Protein backbone atom coordinates (compact mmCIF):
# COMPACT_ATOMS: atom_id res chain seq x y z
CA MET A 1 -16.83 28.93 -19.19
CA PRO A 2 -18.33 30.06 -15.83
CA LEU A 3 -15.82 31.86 -13.63
CA HIS A 4 -16.00 29.30 -10.84
CA GLU A 5 -15.10 26.47 -13.25
CA ARG A 6 -12.05 28.12 -14.78
CA PRO A 7 -9.48 27.42 -11.99
CA GLY A 8 -10.24 23.70 -12.08
CA PHE A 9 -9.97 23.57 -15.86
CA ILE A 10 -6.69 25.47 -15.85
CA TYR A 11 -5.29 23.25 -13.13
CA ASP A 12 -6.24 19.96 -14.78
CA GLN A 13 -5.18 20.95 -18.30
CA THR A 14 -2.07 23.02 -17.67
CA TYR A 15 0.20 21.73 -14.93
CA GLU A 16 2.44 18.71 -15.39
CA ASN A 17 3.02 18.38 -11.64
CA GLU A 18 2.02 19.98 -8.36
CA ILE A 19 5.20 22.06 -8.18
CA GLN A 20 4.08 23.97 -11.26
CA GLY A 21 0.66 24.53 -9.70
CA VAL A 22 2.19 26.06 -6.57
CA ALA A 23 4.76 28.07 -8.55
CA TYR A 24 2.18 29.63 -10.87
CA GLY A 25 0.66 31.95 -8.26
CA TRP A 26 4.09 33.26 -7.28
CA VAL A 27 5.15 33.78 -10.89
CA LYS A 28 1.91 35.56 -11.74
CA TRP A 29 2.18 38.04 -8.87
CA ASN A 30 5.97 38.47 -8.66
CA LEU A 31 7.16 37.85 -12.25
CA GLU A 32 9.95 35.51 -11.16
CA ILE A 33 10.51 31.78 -10.79
CA PRO A 34 10.45 30.71 -7.13
CA ASP A 35 13.11 28.49 -5.60
CA PHE A 36 11.13 26.16 -3.37
CA ALA A 37 14.25 24.11 -2.57
CA ASN A 38 15.99 27.12 -0.98
CA PRO A 39 13.31 29.80 -0.46
CA THR A 40 14.37 33.14 0.98
CA ARG A 41 11.21 35.27 0.85
CA LEU A 42 8.53 34.90 3.49
CA PHE A 43 5.68 33.98 1.18
CA GLU A 44 8.01 31.95 -1.05
CA LYS A 45 8.61 29.83 2.04
CA GLY A 46 4.89 29.80 2.76
CA ARG A 47 4.04 28.39 -0.67
CA ALA A 48 6.87 25.86 -0.38
CA LEU A 49 5.14 24.34 2.67
CA GLN A 50 2.50 22.86 0.36
CA LEU A 51 5.28 20.87 -1.33
CA VAL A 52 7.75 19.95 1.41
CA HIS A 53 5.84 19.94 4.70
CA PRO A 54 3.26 17.11 5.02
CA ASN A 55 1.64 18.35 8.21
CA PRO A 56 -1.94 17.03 8.42
CA LEU A 57 -2.78 19.50 11.18
CA MET A 58 -2.83 22.24 8.54
CA SER A 59 -5.91 20.63 6.99
CA LEU A 60 -7.65 20.02 10.31
CA VAL A 61 -7.45 23.64 11.43
CA ALA A 62 -8.46 24.92 7.96
CA ASP A 63 -11.65 22.84 8.16
CA LYS A 64 -14.38 25.27 9.22
CA VAL A 65 -16.06 22.46 11.18
CA ARG A 66 -13.19 20.57 12.77
CA PHE A 67 -10.98 23.52 13.74
CA ARG A 68 -13.21 23.83 16.79
CA ASP A 69 -11.79 20.54 18.07
CA TYR A 70 -8.30 22.01 17.95
CA VAL A 71 -9.44 25.20 19.69
CA ARG A 72 -11.05 23.16 22.49
CA LEU A 73 -7.90 21.05 22.82
CA LYS A 74 -5.84 24.20 23.30
CA GLY A 75 -8.23 25.53 25.95
CA VAL A 76 -8.19 29.19 24.85
CA ASP A 77 -10.70 31.67 26.22
CA ILE A 78 -11.90 33.24 22.95
CA GLU A 79 -14.28 30.87 21.16
CA PRO A 80 -15.60 30.62 17.59
CA PRO A 81 -19.27 31.36 16.83
CA ARG A 82 -21.63 28.57 17.89
CA LEU A 83 -21.97 25.74 15.39
CA LEU A 84 -25.69 25.19 14.75
CA GLU A 85 -25.81 22.49 12.06
CA VAL A 86 -23.52 20.38 9.87
CA TYR A 87 -24.65 18.76 6.59
CA ASP A 88 -22.71 16.09 4.70
CA ASP A 89 -23.86 17.02 1.19
CA VAL A 90 -25.89 19.46 -0.88
CA GLU A 91 -29.02 17.33 -0.83
CA SER A 92 -29.01 17.37 2.97
CA VAL A 93 -28.78 21.17 2.94
CA LEU A 94 -31.67 21.52 0.51
CA ARG A 95 -33.88 19.05 2.39
CA ALA A 96 -33.19 20.58 5.80
CA LYS A 97 -35.18 23.17 7.62
CA LEU A 98 -32.34 25.62 7.94
CA PRO A 99 -31.98 27.78 11.05
CA ARG A 100 -33.91 31.04 10.78
CA ALA A 101 -30.83 33.04 11.73
CA GLY A 102 -27.39 31.80 10.82
CA VAL A 103 -24.57 31.82 8.28
CA LEU A 104 -24.23 28.94 5.83
CA LYS A 105 -20.64 28.06 4.87
CA LYS A 106 -18.66 25.42 3.01
CA SER A 107 -16.12 23.52 5.12
CA ASN A 108 -13.23 23.65 2.65
CA GLY A 109 -13.66 26.93 0.82
CA CYS A 110 -13.02 30.63 1.14
CA ASN A 111 -15.50 33.50 0.88
CA GLN A 112 -18.29 30.96 0.53
CA ASN A 113 -20.87 32.07 3.06
CA GLN A 114 -24.49 33.15 2.97
CA ILE A 115 -26.58 34.82 5.67
CA LEU A 116 -29.84 32.99 6.25
CA GLY A 117 -33.16 34.26 7.52
CA ALA A 118 -34.77 37.63 6.93
CA GLY A 119 -33.38 39.21 3.79
CA GLY A 120 -31.64 35.99 2.77
CA PRO A 121 -31.96 34.26 -0.59
CA GLU A 122 -35.10 32.56 -1.82
CA ALA A 123 -35.07 28.75 -1.98
CA ALA A 124 -34.27 28.59 -5.70
CA GLU A 125 -31.45 31.11 -5.38
CA LEU A 126 -30.00 29.29 -2.39
CA GLU A 127 -30.09 26.00 -4.32
CA ARG A 128 -28.16 27.54 -7.23
CA LEU A 129 -25.61 29.02 -4.82
CA VAL A 130 -24.94 25.79 -2.93
CA TRP A 131 -24.60 23.75 -6.12
CA LYS A 132 -22.11 26.36 -7.37
CA TRP A 133 -20.11 25.90 -4.16
CA GLU A 134 -20.25 22.13 -4.65
CA ARG A 135 -18.66 22.40 -8.11
CA ASP A 136 -15.98 24.78 -6.88
CA ALA A 137 -12.81 22.92 -5.82
CA PHE A 138 -11.29 25.88 -4.01
CA TRP A 139 -7.88 24.27 -3.49
CA ARG A 140 -7.20 24.50 -7.22
CA VAL A 141 -7.41 28.29 -7.35
CA GLN A 142 -3.95 28.82 -5.82
CA SER A 143 -2.89 25.16 -5.34
CA GLU A 144 -3.49 25.24 -1.60
CA PHE A 145 -3.34 21.48 -1.17
CA HIS A 146 -4.18 21.41 2.53
CA TYR A 147 -7.75 22.37 1.51
CA ARG A 148 -7.89 19.30 -0.75
CA ASP A 149 -7.70 16.98 2.28
CA ILE A 150 -10.76 18.55 3.91
CA PRO A 151 -14.03 16.68 3.32
CA THR A 152 -16.68 18.82 1.67
CA ARG A 153 -19.46 19.58 4.13
CA TYR A 154 -21.77 22.48 4.83
CA LEU A 155 -22.24 24.16 8.18
CA VAL A 156 -24.41 26.80 9.73
CA GLU A 157 -22.88 29.09 12.35
CA GLU A 158 -24.77 31.51 14.51
CA PHE A 159 -25.30 34.90 12.92
CA LEU A 160 -23.55 37.72 14.79
CA PRO A 161 -25.21 41.02 13.94
CA SER A 162 -23.37 44.25 14.51
CA GLY A 163 -24.45 47.84 14.70
CA ALA A 164 -22.22 50.59 13.41
CA HIS A 165 -18.95 49.03 14.55
CA ARG A 166 -17.39 45.80 13.32
CA VAL A 167 -13.66 45.13 13.41
CA GLU A 168 -11.62 42.18 12.23
CA TYR A 169 -8.22 41.61 13.84
CA LYS A 170 -5.89 39.46 11.73
CA ILE A 171 -2.88 38.39 13.78
CA PHE A 172 0.03 37.13 11.68
CA CYS A 173 2.31 34.61 13.42
CA VAL A 174 5.57 32.96 12.39
CA MET A 175 6.78 29.99 14.42
CA GLY A 176 4.28 30.84 17.14
CA GLU A 177 5.47 34.44 17.44
CA VAL A 178 3.10 37.33 16.72
CA VAL A 179 4.80 39.59 14.17
CA HIS A 180 1.98 42.06 13.58
CA VAL A 181 -1.72 42.72 14.10
CA SER A 182 -3.81 43.96 11.18
CA PRO A 183 -7.21 45.43 12.10
CA ARG A 184 -9.86 46.13 9.48
CA VAL A 185 -12.69 48.44 10.52
CA ASN A 186 -16.03 47.85 8.78
CA ASP A 187 -14.30 46.14 5.81
CA GLY A 188 -11.91 49.04 5.34
CA PRO A 189 -8.26 48.66 4.19
CA PRO A 190 -5.81 46.81 6.47
CA VAL A 191 -3.34 48.56 8.73
CA TYR A 192 -0.43 47.04 10.66
CA PHE A 193 0.66 47.29 14.29
CA GLY A 194 3.17 45.52 16.51
CA THR A 195 2.31 43.77 19.75
CA ASN A 196 2.59 47.07 21.68
CA TRP A 197 0.33 48.76 19.10
CA GLN A 198 3.16 50.70 17.56
CA PRO A 199 2.67 51.27 13.82
CA VAL A 200 4.61 48.84 11.64
CA LYS A 201 5.80 50.13 8.29
CA THR A 202 4.82 47.16 6.22
CA ARG A 203 2.20 46.24 3.70
CA PRO A 204 1.59 43.58 1.07
CA ALA A 205 3.19 44.62 -2.18
CA VAL A 206 -0.17 45.00 -3.92
CA ASP A 207 -1.77 47.28 -1.32
CA ALA A 208 -1.83 51.07 -1.23
CA PRO A 209 -0.67 53.12 1.79
CA VAL A 210 -3.31 53.34 4.53
CA ARG A 211 -4.10 55.27 7.71
CA MET A 212 -2.45 54.19 10.96
CA ASP A 213 -4.75 55.84 13.54
CA VAL A 214 -6.87 52.84 14.60
CA PRO A 215 -7.31 52.86 18.40
CA ARG A 216 -5.68 50.16 20.50
CA PRO A 217 -8.26 47.55 21.58
CA PRO A 218 -8.53 46.91 25.35
CA PHE A 219 -8.42 43.15 24.70
CA LEU A 220 -5.19 43.25 22.64
CA GLU A 221 -3.14 41.20 25.13
CA GLN A 222 -5.87 38.56 25.31
CA MET A 223 -5.94 38.17 21.51
CA ILE A 224 -2.15 38.00 21.32
CA GLU A 225 -2.01 35.29 23.99
CA VAL A 226 -4.65 33.21 22.20
CA ALA A 227 -2.91 33.70 18.84
CA GLN A 228 0.40 32.51 20.25
CA VAL A 229 -1.21 29.37 21.66
CA LEU A 230 -3.08 28.53 18.44
CA SER A 231 -0.14 29.22 16.12
CA ALA A 232 2.54 27.40 18.14
CA ASP A 233 2.20 24.17 16.13
CA PHE A 234 2.68 25.82 12.72
CA ALA A 235 5.46 27.43 10.70
CA VAL A 236 3.11 30.26 9.81
CA ALA A 237 -0.49 30.99 10.66
CA ARG A 238 -2.89 33.91 10.75
CA ILE A 239 -5.35 33.90 13.62
CA ASP A 240 -8.45 35.94 12.83
CA PHE A 241 -10.71 37.52 15.44
CA MET A 242 -13.94 39.44 14.92
CA LYS A 243 -15.43 42.09 17.20
CA PHE A 244 -19.18 42.54 16.75
CA ASP A 245 -20.29 45.43 18.95
CA ASP A 246 -19.60 44.00 22.44
CA ARG A 247 -18.69 40.43 21.49
CA LEU A 248 -15.24 39.13 20.54
CA VAL A 249 -15.04 35.78 18.71
CA LEU A 250 -12.42 33.64 17.03
CA GLY A 251 -13.04 33.68 13.30
CA GLU A 252 -10.64 31.12 11.85
CA ILE A 253 -7.07 29.87 11.67
CA THR A 254 -5.61 30.54 8.22
CA MET A 255 -2.70 28.42 7.02
CA SER A 256 -1.97 30.38 3.83
CA PRO A 257 -2.85 34.07 4.31
CA GLY A 258 -3.66 35.58 0.94
CA ALA A 259 -2.50 32.27 -0.60
CA PHE A 260 1.08 33.55 -0.11
CA ARG A 261 0.91 35.25 -3.48
CA THR A 262 2.89 38.42 -2.86
CA ARG A 263 5.59 39.84 -0.63
CA PHE A 264 5.71 42.20 2.28
CA GLU A 265 7.22 45.59 1.67
CA PRO A 266 9.75 47.01 2.26
CA PRO A 267 12.13 44.15 1.29
CA GLU A 268 13.97 44.40 4.61
CA ARG A 269 10.74 43.61 6.47
CA ASP A 270 10.04 40.63 4.23
CA LEU A 271 13.55 39.27 4.81
CA GLU A 272 13.26 39.82 8.57
CA LEU A 273 10.05 37.80 8.75
CA ALA A 274 11.36 35.13 6.38
CA GLN A 275 14.35 34.51 8.63
CA LYS A 276 11.98 33.75 11.50
CA MET A 277 10.50 30.82 9.56
CA GLU A 278 13.09 28.15 10.38
CA PHE A 279 12.71 25.19 8.03
CA SER A 280 14.98 23.16 10.33
CA ARG A 281 12.01 22.99 12.72
CA LEU A 282 9.57 21.59 10.16
CA PRO A 283 10.14 17.90 11.02
CA GLN A 284 9.27 18.55 14.66
CA LEU A 285 6.16 20.51 13.71
CA GLU A 286 5.13 17.70 11.39
CA GLU A 287 5.58 15.12 14.16
CA THR A 288 3.55 17.23 16.56
CA GLY A 289 0.85 17.76 13.95
CA ARG A 290 0.50 14.05 13.27
CA ALA A 291 0.23 13.29 16.98
CA ILE A 292 -2.52 15.89 17.48
CA CYS A 293 -4.42 14.63 14.43
CA LYS A 294 -4.37 11.08 15.76
CA GLN A 295 -5.61 12.35 19.11
CA LEU A 296 -8.50 14.16 17.42
CA GLY A 297 -9.37 11.32 15.04
CA TRP A 298 -8.13 13.06 11.87
CA ASP A 299 -6.26 11.29 9.07
CA ALA A 300 -2.57 11.66 9.90
CA GLU A 301 -1.42 10.88 6.35
CA PRO A 302 -1.84 14.08 4.30
CA GLY A 303 -2.11 14.17 0.53
CA PHE A 304 0.39 17.00 0.13
CA GLY A 305 3.96 17.96 1.00
CA HIS A 306 5.72 14.97 -0.57
CA TRP A 307 8.01 16.73 -3.07
CA ALA A 308 10.98 17.39 -0.78
CA GLY A 309 14.23 16.59 -2.55
CA ASP A 310 12.81 16.89 -6.07
CA PRO A 311 15.27 18.97 -8.17
CA ARG A 312 12.35 20.65 -9.94
CA LEU A 313 11.58 22.55 -6.73
CA SER A 314 14.26 25.04 -7.79
CA THR A 315 12.87 25.58 -11.27
CA GLY A 316 9.13 25.98 -10.79
CA GLY A 317 8.44 22.33 -11.59
CA VAL A 318 9.95 22.40 -15.09
């Protein structure tokens, strides 16, 4: 079976309920059954949100087209790349005269992007690629149900070329508070800093130790301010920025960084961050999310998060 078809097959044939689908990723990476009724780990709580927190705003901001509406509503001063075209289906993409310079993406996927123009794929290769994306229901891979509520569309963003220097800044926020900044230079390994650019001794459990000598960016305070504004309506969010030579842009707002598969190390750091995620505030965040979605014309009735109170939350869905 082709690789891109396997997650969907596994999901449809294996799980008896959505709790099992969400639990599987945690079990696979941590070799233990999660307790989604009373989660204590940071990413255990993050995965539980898919089951107990029906916040439709999570889907809106994960949509690579519509998240721009949320960014405009918040009035921040770092903008995403310009949106050049939006197509409703594969046939529209293949019939269109695509921009000569741009990046083609799928609205509800991850790592599904293709540079267009000089050096890009030939027509036949592009057609195979887009049809592959169409068959790939990304939400099934790690049971990230907020992706399931996003309509499948295709978009072209402006292409941002860079010379010898490209940096991504991934700002991790819990309850609207920035807990660390993780820069990646030219696709190198991540490193971690606090808001004052002091090194933070933390790393995902699956990562190796890395260097901590990345220079402090002059626009750090600006990114932190924008990240706080954009994450304020969520229990957890990662706000991604990209620096291409002299231009700083907002990349995306990620609701489930790394699909919440692993833990932060050391354990004390993971517990510290987990305690910041106050589940008592989820009803208010949900109410706020629904109100914003209605304001922006997005469906305020999500198709996820409706398992709260189910006793199987404590046993991985069994």
